[in-house]
Protein backbone atom coordinates (compact mmCIF):
# COMPACT_ATOMS: atom_id res chain seq x y z
CA MET A 1 -85.43 -17.75 26.40
CA ILE A 2 -85.20 -19.00 22.81
CA ASN A 3 -82.12 -18.52 20.63
CA VAL A 4 -82.66 -17.95 16.91
CA GLU A 5 -79.66 -18.12 14.57
CA ARG A 6 -79.35 -16.00 11.44
CA GLY A 7 -76.24 -15.44 9.40
CA GLY A 8 -73.93 -16.24 12.29
CA GLN A 9 -75.86 -14.00 14.69
CA ARG A 10 -77.64 -15.31 17.77
CA LEU A 11 -80.91 -13.54 18.58
CA ALA A 12 -82.29 -13.94 22.11
CA VAL A 13 -86.09 -14.21 22.04
CA ARG A 14 -88.72 -14.31 24.79
CA VAL A 15 -92.34 -15.33 24.29
CA ASP A 16 -95.23 -14.46 26.64
CA GLY A 17 -98.99 -14.83 26.48
CA ARG A 18 -101.54 -17.41 25.46
CA GLU A 19 -100.70 -19.91 22.74
CA GLY A 20 -102.95 -19.33 19.76
CA ALA A 21 -103.43 -15.62 20.50
CA PRO A 22 -102.55 -13.13 17.74
CA VAL A 23 -98.81 -12.41 17.69
CA LEU A 24 -97.34 -9.04 18.66
CA VAL A 25 -93.61 -8.45 18.13
CA LEU A 26 -91.92 -5.82 20.31
CA SER A 27 -88.66 -4.29 19.06
CA ASN A 28 -86.38 -2.47 21.48
CA SER A 29 -84.69 0.89 21.11
CA LEU A 30 -80.99 1.49 20.70
CA GLY A 31 -79.27 0.94 24.05
CA THR A 32 -81.98 -1.20 25.65
CA THR A 33 -83.09 -4.83 25.64
CA ALA A 34 -86.35 -6.75 25.55
CA GLY A 35 -86.60 -5.72 29.21
CA MET A 36 -87.57 -2.21 28.11
CA TRP A 37 -91.15 -3.45 27.70
CA ALA A 38 -91.56 -4.29 31.41
CA PRO A 39 -94.19 -1.53 31.94
CA GLN A 40 -96.38 -2.98 29.15
CA ILE A 41 -95.76 -6.72 29.06
CA ASP A 42 -98.59 -7.80 31.38
CA ALA A 43 -101.22 -5.79 29.49
CA PHE A 44 -99.92 -6.87 26.09
CA ALA A 45 -99.62 -10.54 27.07
CA ALA A 46 -103.25 -10.55 28.24
CA ARG A 47 -104.31 -9.90 24.64
CA PHE A 48 -101.46 -11.22 22.48
CA ARG A 49 -98.81 -13.86 22.08
CA VAL A 50 -95.96 -11.41 22.68
CA VAL A 51 -92.58 -11.97 21.06
CA ARG A 52 -89.79 -9.82 22.51
CA TYR A 53 -86.17 -10.02 21.42
CA ASP A 54 -82.84 -8.35 22.11
CA ALA A 55 -81.75 -6.60 18.93
CA ARG A 56 -78.40 -7.77 17.62
CA GLY A 57 -75.55 -6.39 19.69
CA HIS A 58 -77.83 -5.90 22.68
CA GLY A 59 -78.59 -7.95 25.79
CA ALA A 60 -78.23 -11.70 25.32
CA SER A 61 -78.00 -11.49 21.52
CA SER A 62 -74.58 -11.84 19.95
CA VAL A 63 -72.46 -8.84 18.98
CA PRO A 64 -71.86 -8.30 15.25
CA ALA A 65 -68.31 -7.75 14.08
CA ALA A 66 -69.28 -5.08 11.54
CA PRO A 67 -71.66 -2.12 11.42
CA ALA A 68 -75.27 -3.24 11.09
CA THR A 69 -77.83 -2.04 8.58
CA ILE A 70 -81.55 -1.44 9.01
CA ALA A 71 -82.18 -4.20 6.45
CA GLU A 72 -80.28 -6.66 8.65
CA LEU A 73 -82.32 -5.61 11.68
CA GLY A 74 -85.49 -6.15 9.67
CA GLU A 75 -84.44 -9.56 8.38
CA ASP A 76 -83.61 -10.55 11.95
CA VAL A 77 -87.31 -10.15 12.73
CA VAL A 78 -88.27 -12.24 9.70
CA ALA A 79 -85.92 -14.98 10.91
CA ILE A 80 -87.54 -14.91 14.35
CA LEU A 81 -91.02 -15.16 12.83
CA ASP A 82 -89.91 -18.06 10.62
CA ALA A 83 -88.35 -19.88 13.57
CA LEU A 84 -91.58 -19.54 15.55
CA GLY A 85 -93.79 -20.52 12.63
CA VAL A 86 -95.52 -17.13 12.52
CA ALA A 87 -96.74 -15.97 9.12
CA ARG A 88 -97.95 -12.48 10.08
CA CYS A 89 -97.84 -10.31 13.17
CA ALA A 90 -98.59 -6.94 14.65
CA PHE A 91 -95.35 -5.03 15.20
CA LEU A 92 -94.50 -2.35 17.76
CA GLY A 93 -91.09 -0.74 17.89
CA LEU A 94 -89.57 2.27 19.61
CA SER A 95 -86.79 4.43 18.16
CA MET A 96 -84.48 1.96 16.37
CA GLY A 97 -87.26 -0.61 16.78
CA GLY A 98 -89.65 1.80 15.07
CA GLN A 99 -87.30 2.14 12.12
CA THR A 100 -87.12 -1.65 11.96
CA GLY A 101 -90.91 -1.73 11.71
CA LEU A 102 -90.90 0.87 8.93
CA TRP A 103 -88.42 -1.22 6.97
CA LEU A 104 -90.53 -4.35 7.41
CA ALA A 105 -93.73 -2.59 6.35
CA GLN A 106 -91.98 -1.34 3.21
CA HIS A 107 -89.93 -4.41 2.26
CA ARG A 108 -91.75 -7.35 3.88
CA PRO A 109 -95.36 -6.16 3.97
CA ASP A 110 -96.64 -9.74 3.81
CA ARG A 111 -95.43 -10.26 7.39
CA ILE A 112 -96.91 -7.17 9.06
CA GLU A 113 -100.62 -6.81 9.85
CA ARG A 114 -100.53 -3.66 12.00
CA LEU A 115 -97.65 -1.31 12.76
CA VAL A 116 -96.93 0.95 15.73
CA VAL A 117 -93.92 3.26 15.39
CA CYS A 118 -93.02 5.01 18.64
CA ASN A 119 -90.56 7.86 19.22
CA SER A 120 -88.89 7.29 15.89
CA ALA A 121 -88.40 8.83 12.47
CA ALA A 122 -87.79 7.72 8.91
CA LEU A 123 -84.47 9.57 9.14
CA ILE A 124 -82.88 10.33 12.52
CA PRO A 125 -80.21 13.04 12.17
CA SER A 126 -77.44 13.79 12.09
CA GLU A 127 -74.63 11.78 10.54
CA ALA A 128 -72.04 13.84 12.42
CA SER A 129 -73.72 13.28 15.81
CA TRP A 130 -73.96 9.54 15.18
CA ASN A 131 -70.27 9.39 14.22
CA ASP A 132 -69.41 11.31 17.38
CA ARG A 133 -71.41 8.89 19.51
CA ILE A 134 -69.77 5.88 17.86
CA ALA A 135 -66.33 7.40 18.55
CA LYS A 136 -67.17 8.02 22.20
CA VAL A 137 -68.36 4.50 22.98
CA THR A 138 -65.52 2.97 21.01
CA ALA A 139 -62.95 4.93 23.02
CA GLY A 140 -64.59 5.12 26.44
CA GLY A 141 -67.25 2.41 26.60
CA MET A 142 -70.86 2.97 27.59
CA ALA A 143 -69.88 5.11 30.58
CA ALA A 144 -68.87 7.83 28.14
CA ILE A 145 -72.45 8.40 26.98
CA VAL A 146 -74.78 7.11 29.72
CA ASP A 147 -75.59 10.47 31.35
CA GLY A 148 -76.17 12.22 28.04
CA VAL A 149 -78.41 9.46 26.68
CA LEU A 150 -80.51 9.28 29.86
CA ALA A 151 -81.06 13.05 29.62
CA ARG A 152 -82.59 12.47 26.18
CA TRP A 153 -84.57 9.37 27.18
CA LEU A 154 -86.45 11.05 30.07
CA THR A 155 -87.41 14.60 30.94
CA ALA A 156 -85.58 16.28 33.81
CA ASP A 157 -88.64 15.86 36.02
CA ALA A 158 -88.84 12.13 35.27
CA LEU A 159 -85.13 11.68 35.97
CA ALA A 160 -85.47 13.42 39.34
CA ALA A 161 -88.70 11.69 40.35
CA PRO A 162 -88.66 8.80 42.83
CA GLY A 163 -89.27 5.42 41.29
CA PRO A 164 -87.40 2.67 39.49
CA ALA A 165 -87.26 4.11 35.97
CA PRO A 166 -84.00 6.15 36.08
CA VAL A 167 -82.09 3.46 37.99
CA GLU A 168 -83.35 0.58 35.87
CA LEU A 169 -82.75 2.38 32.56
CA ARG A 170 -79.24 3.35 33.64
CA ARG A 171 -78.57 -0.30 34.51
CA ILE A 172 -79.84 -1.52 31.13
CA LEU A 173 -77.92 1.08 29.12
CA SER A 174 -74.68 0.57 31.08
CA GLY A 175 -74.86 -3.17 30.43
CA ILE A 176 -74.97 -2.92 26.63
CA ASP A 177 -71.84 -4.09 24.81
CA PRO A 178 -70.12 -0.96 23.36
CA THR A 179 -69.27 -2.75 20.10
CA GLY A 180 -72.85 -3.89 19.68
CA TYR A 181 -74.13 -0.40 20.48
CA ALA A 182 -71.79 1.20 17.96
CA SER A 183 -72.83 -1.33 15.30
CA CYS A 184 -76.50 -0.40 15.70
CA CYS A 185 -75.67 3.31 15.83
CA ALA A 186 -74.42 2.84 12.29
CA ALA A 187 -77.69 1.17 11.28
CA VAL A 188 -79.72 4.12 12.58
CA ARG A 189 -77.29 6.65 11.12
CA ASP A 190 -77.54 5.16 7.63
CA ALA A 191 -81.27 4.43 7.62
CA ASP A 192 -83.35 6.67 5.37
CA LEU A 193 -86.85 5.27 5.00
CA ARG A 194 -88.61 8.43 3.82
CA ALA A 195 -89.04 7.46 0.18
CA GLY A 196 -91.01 4.31 1.00
CA LEU A 197 -93.45 5.75 3.55
CA GLY A 198 -96.16 6.19 0.94
CA SER A 199 -96.00 2.51 0.06
CA ILE A 200 -97.00 1.33 3.56
CA ARG A 201 -100.49 -0.17 3.42
CA CYS A 202 -100.97 -1.79 6.83
CA PRO A 203 -102.86 0.16 9.53
CA THR A 204 -100.24 2.33 11.22
CA LEU A 205 -100.01 4.34 14.43
CA ILE A 206 -97.28 6.93 14.93
CA LEU A 207 -96.63 7.88 18.56
CA SER A 208 -94.37 10.78 19.54
CA GLY A 209 -93.27 12.49 22.75
CA THR A 210 -93.84 16.22 23.17
CA HIS A 211 -90.41 16.63 24.79
CA ASP A 212 -88.50 14.21 22.59
CA VAL A 213 -85.48 16.04 21.17
CA ALA A 214 -84.11 12.96 19.38
CA THR A 215 -87.18 12.10 17.30
CA THR A 216 -89.33 15.18 17.52
CA PRO A 217 -93.11 15.47 17.21
CA ALA A 218 -92.56 17.24 13.88
CA MET A 219 -90.79 14.13 12.60
CA GLY A 220 -93.63 11.95 13.86
CA ARG A 221 -96.30 14.11 12.23
CA ALA A 222 -94.36 14.08 8.95
CA MET A 223 -94.40 10.26 8.97
CA ALA A 224 -98.09 10.15 9.77
CA ASP A 225 -98.82 12.56 6.92
CA ALA A 226 -96.79 10.44 4.48
CA ILE A 227 -98.25 7.02 5.41
CA PRO A 228 -101.74 6.52 3.96
CA GLY A 229 -104.37 6.49 6.71
CA ALA A 230 -101.85 6.59 9.57
CA ARG A 231 -102.96 7.80 12.99
CA TYR A 232 -100.91 10.11 15.17
CA VAL A 233 -100.75 10.28 18.99
CA GLU A 234 -98.54 12.54 21.12
CA LEU A 235 -97.72 11.91 24.78
CA ASP A 236 -96.34 14.29 27.40
CA ALA A 237 -92.96 12.55 27.49
CA ALA A 238 -89.43 12.50 26.14
CA HIS A 239 -87.86 9.66 24.12
CA LEU A 240 -88.73 6.56 26.18
CA SER A 241 -92.42 7.41 26.43
CA ASN A 242 -93.34 3.87 27.47
CA TRP A 243 -91.43 4.41 30.73
CA GLU A 244 -92.27 8.05 31.33
CA ARG A 245 -95.99 7.69 30.60
CA PRO A 246 -96.56 3.92 30.89
CA ASP A 247 -100.34 3.97 31.36
CA ALA A 248 -101.01 6.43 28.55
CA PHE A 249 -98.59 4.55 26.28
CA THR A 250 -100.28 1.21 26.98
CA LYS A 251 -103.75 2.66 26.45
CA ALA A 252 -102.85 4.32 23.13
CA THR A 253 -100.96 1.39 21.63
CA LEU A 254 -103.19 -1.39 22.89
CA GLY A 255 -106.31 0.47 21.79
CA PHE A 256 -104.92 0.69 18.27
CA LEU A 257 -103.65 -2.87 18.15
CA VAL A 258 -106.96 -4.49 19.06
CA ALA A 259 -109.11 -2.31 16.77
CA GLY A 260 -110.60 -3.30 13.39
CA GLY A 261 -110.11 -6.02 10.82
CA THR A 262 -111.72 -9.40 10.16
CA HIS A 263 -108.84 -11.31 11.72
CA VAL A 264 -109.06 -9.08 14.78
CA GLU A 265 -112.77 -9.84 15.09
CA ARG A 266 -111.95 -13.55 15.02
CA ASP A 267 -109.23 -13.08 17.62
CA ARG A 268 -111.58 -10.98 19.75
CA HIS A 269 -114.16 -13.78 19.71
CA GLU A 270 -111.55 -16.38 20.71
CA LEU A 271 -110.22 -14.16 23.48
CA GLY A 272 -113.76 -13.35 24.63
CA MET A 273 -114.66 -17.02 24.87
CA SER A 274 -111.49 -17.67 26.86
CA VAL A 275 -112.28 -14.86 29.33
CA ARG A 276 -115.95 -15.85 29.51
CA ARG A 277 -114.96 -19.39 30.51
CA ARG A 278 -112.45 -18.15 33.08
CA VAL A 279 -114.95 -15.82 34.74
CA LEU A 280 -118.23 -17.75 34.41
CA GLY A 281 -116.84 -21.29 34.39
CA ASP A 282 -116.83 -23.98 31.71
CA GLU A 283 -120.04 -25.61 32.93
CA TRP A 284 -122.15 -22.48 32.55
CA VAL A 285 -120.61 -21.51 29.18
CA ASP A 286 -121.10 -25.04 27.83
CA ARG A 287 -124.77 -24.92 28.84
CA ALA A 288 -125.26 -21.52 27.23
CA THR A 289 -123.57 -22.73 24.05
CA ALA A 290 -125.70 -25.87 23.95
CA ARG A 291 -128.87 -23.76 24.26
CA LYS A 292 -127.82 -21.50 21.39
CA THR A 293 -130.33 -21.44 18.52
CA ARG A 294 -130.26 -19.88 15.12
CA PHE A 295 -132.31 -17.03 16.57
CA SER A 296 -129.92 -16.40 19.51
CA ALA A 297 -126.60 -17.15 17.76
CA ALA A 298 -125.91 -13.54 16.73
CA PHE A 299 -126.58 -12.32 20.28
CA GLN A 300 -124.26 -14.94 21.78
CA ASP A 301 -121.56 -13.89 19.32
CA LEU A 302 -122.11 -10.23 20.19
CA ILE A 303 -121.68 -10.67 23.95
CA THR A 304 -118.70 -13.00 23.49
CA ARG A 305 -116.85 -10.55 21.24
CA TYR A 306 -117.72 -7.24 22.87
CA ALA A 307 -118.74 -7.89 26.48
CA TRP A 308 -116.05 -10.51 27.11
CA GLY A 309 -113.49 -9.99 24.33
CA GLU A 310 -113.47 -6.20 24.44
CA ILE A 311 -114.73 -4.76 27.75
CA TRP A 312 -113.75 -7.48 30.25
CA THR A 313 -110.21 -7.57 28.81
CA ARG A 314 -109.50 -3.84 28.93
CA PRO A 315 -106.44 -3.09 31.12
CA GLY A 316 -107.94 -0.15 33.02
CA LEU A 317 -109.78 -2.17 35.73
CA GLU A 318 -108.96 -5.38 37.54
CA PRO A 319 -111.44 -8.27 37.04
CA ALA A 320 -112.43 -8.11 40.72
CA THR A 321 -113.38 -4.45 40.33
CA ARG A 322 -115.46 -5.26 37.26
CA SER A 323 -117.26 -7.97 39.24
CA CYS A 324 -118.15 -5.47 41.97
CA MET A 325 -119.54 -3.10 39.35
CA VAL A 326 -121.59 -5.79 37.63
CA LEU A 327 -123.07 -7.03 40.92
CA SER A 328 -124.10 -3.48 41.84
CA MET A 329 -125.70 -2.93 38.43
CA MET A 330 -127.64 -6.18 38.60
CA ILE A 331 -128.98 -5.20 42.05
CA ALA A 332 -130.01 -1.78 40.73
CA LEU A 333 -131.77 -3.33 37.73
CA GLY A 334 -133.26 -6.26 39.64
CA ARG A 335 -131.77 -8.76 37.20
CA TRP A 336 -131.58 -11.59 39.73
CA GLU A 337 -130.70 -14.45 37.36
CA GLU A 338 -127.71 -12.46 36.14
CA PHE A 339 -126.91 -11.44 39.73
CA ARG A 340 -126.69 -15.08 40.79
CA LEU A 341 -124.50 -15.86 37.78
CA HIS A 342 -122.11 -13.05 38.65
CA VAL A 343 -121.96 -13.99 42.33
CA ARG A 344 -120.44 -17.25 41.09
CA ALA A 345 -118.21 -15.34 38.69
CA ALA A 346 -117.03 -13.05 41.47
CA PHE A 347 -115.34 -16.01 43.18
CA ASN A 348 -113.40 -16.72 39.97
CA ASN A 349 -112.26 -13.08 39.97
CA GLY A 350 -110.92 -13.24 43.52
CA LEU A 351 -113.86 -11.97 45.57
CA GLY A 352 -115.31 -13.80 48.56
CA PRO A 353 -118.42 -13.49 50.76
CA ALA A 354 -116.92 -10.57 52.68
CA GLU A 355 -116.40 -8.47 49.54
CA ILE A 356 -119.80 -9.42 48.10
CA GLU A 357 -121.39 -8.40 51.41
CA GLU A 358 -119.74 -4.97 51.08
CA VAL A 359 -121.09 -4.60 47.55
CA ILE A 360 -124.62 -5.37 48.78
CA LEU A 361 -124.32 -2.94 51.71
CA GLN A 362 -123.14 -0.18 49.37
CA SER A 363 -126.03 -1.00 47.06
CA ALA A 364 -128.50 -0.74 49.96
CA ILE A 365 -127.64 2.96 50.20
CA TYR A 366 -127.79 3.78 46.50
CA CYS A 367 -130.20 1.15 45.11
CA GLY A 368 -132.57 0.76 48.04
CA VAL A 369 -132.92 -1.54 51.03
CA PRO A 370 -135.53 -3.87 49.44
CA ALA A 371 -133.19 -4.55 46.48
CA ALA A 372 -130.29 -5.23 48.83
CA ASN A 373 -132.46 -7.52 50.94
CA THR A 374 -133.31 -9.57 47.85
CA ALA A 375 -129.64 -9.62 46.87
CA ILE A 376 -128.68 -11.06 50.27
CA HIS A 377 -131.13 -13.94 49.84
CA HIS A 378 -129.89 -14.71 46.34
CA ALA A 379 -126.24 -14.47 47.36
CA GLU A 380 -126.74 -16.81 50.32
CA ALA A 381 -128.49 -19.30 48.05
CA VAL A 382 -125.53 -19.25 45.65
CA PHE A 383 -123.07 -19.63 48.53
CA ALA A 384 -124.99 -22.71 49.67
CA GLU A 385 -125.05 -24.19 46.15
CA MET A 386 -121.30 -23.67 45.92
CA GLY A 387 -120.61 -25.02 49.39
CA ARG A 388 -119.21 -21.67 50.50
CA PRO A 389 -119.87 -20.32 53.99
CA SER A 390 -121.99 -17.18 53.92
CA ASP A 391 -120.46 -15.93 57.15
CA PRO A 392 -117.29 -14.03 56.11
CA ALA A 393 -115.71 -14.81 59.47
CA ALA A 394 -116.16 -18.53 58.82
CA GLY A 395 -114.54 -18.40 55.41
């Protein structure tokens, strides 16, 4: 945990992911903390240097004495970026966090490379309902609103379903300081970012929930229509779509964040080289790099960026599963040099002789016995070179 000070406020910041990776800032919703990103953090941190923070008045950040403004919430992010030495970042925010991102893209566009606004709106009505909520938490604490807020965060089916989401979200919401919550309610109540939507120039994704009654799909579509070139995605969820539909949320947002742009291509190459070394080993990659010629340079760049930086890093399959698939394909194609290379790689991805044996047996049925027989000989030769026992029972 890192503490960043700005104007007498303490902002609690957490950083995950590889140093040197492109930076992604995650901004929490009203009534949650940086912990709200638990369903996504592993996938995001595999591709980005992820900066999460507790918005002022929430979690481990200090509680402001006066009502906050959306400009203050935006400048808090700038202060965090400055403290971490980050010039520009991708930004993803949900609800209040989404409004924070809209403000940054309008007023500090030099700091935002790509923007994802989830379950939010440029204006979230109504003033009367926000004043009523502020009055309730001021008089009765968070307990006065917890049930009503949870009913808006998740659909009835999601609330009734087994699993950790309802319990964990109730715990997070109940633990928010009522004064801090009320302060940020005022920021959301007073925020009207509609006039500046047309000025946003960074690539933008708007994500809404079909069943979100707080920030409706109509509000999301209106933002997407007003922001030049913005994309729109709708998930079968209520307000906290990243908890109700975590896999779909991760796929939609991560797919947008890693797409397009010269800087993204550079980052993809760096990430691809990192993954290539982890899977294939430094020795092999160093040899391949040393053999690179002017004629083969473009091909080496292609496979580093797209095979390793794009496909091998997608969150949908575990590396071990990808190794099984590659081994099977190499057997089917009879590409024995690549097969031997990926037998070695399979060990780096958590497979052993027993799992590789199963892959070869499966391939015997679908690729043919002669191909599987050749694969066994090559695999045993690699095991011997690596000093690994070929007998699974001996390993």
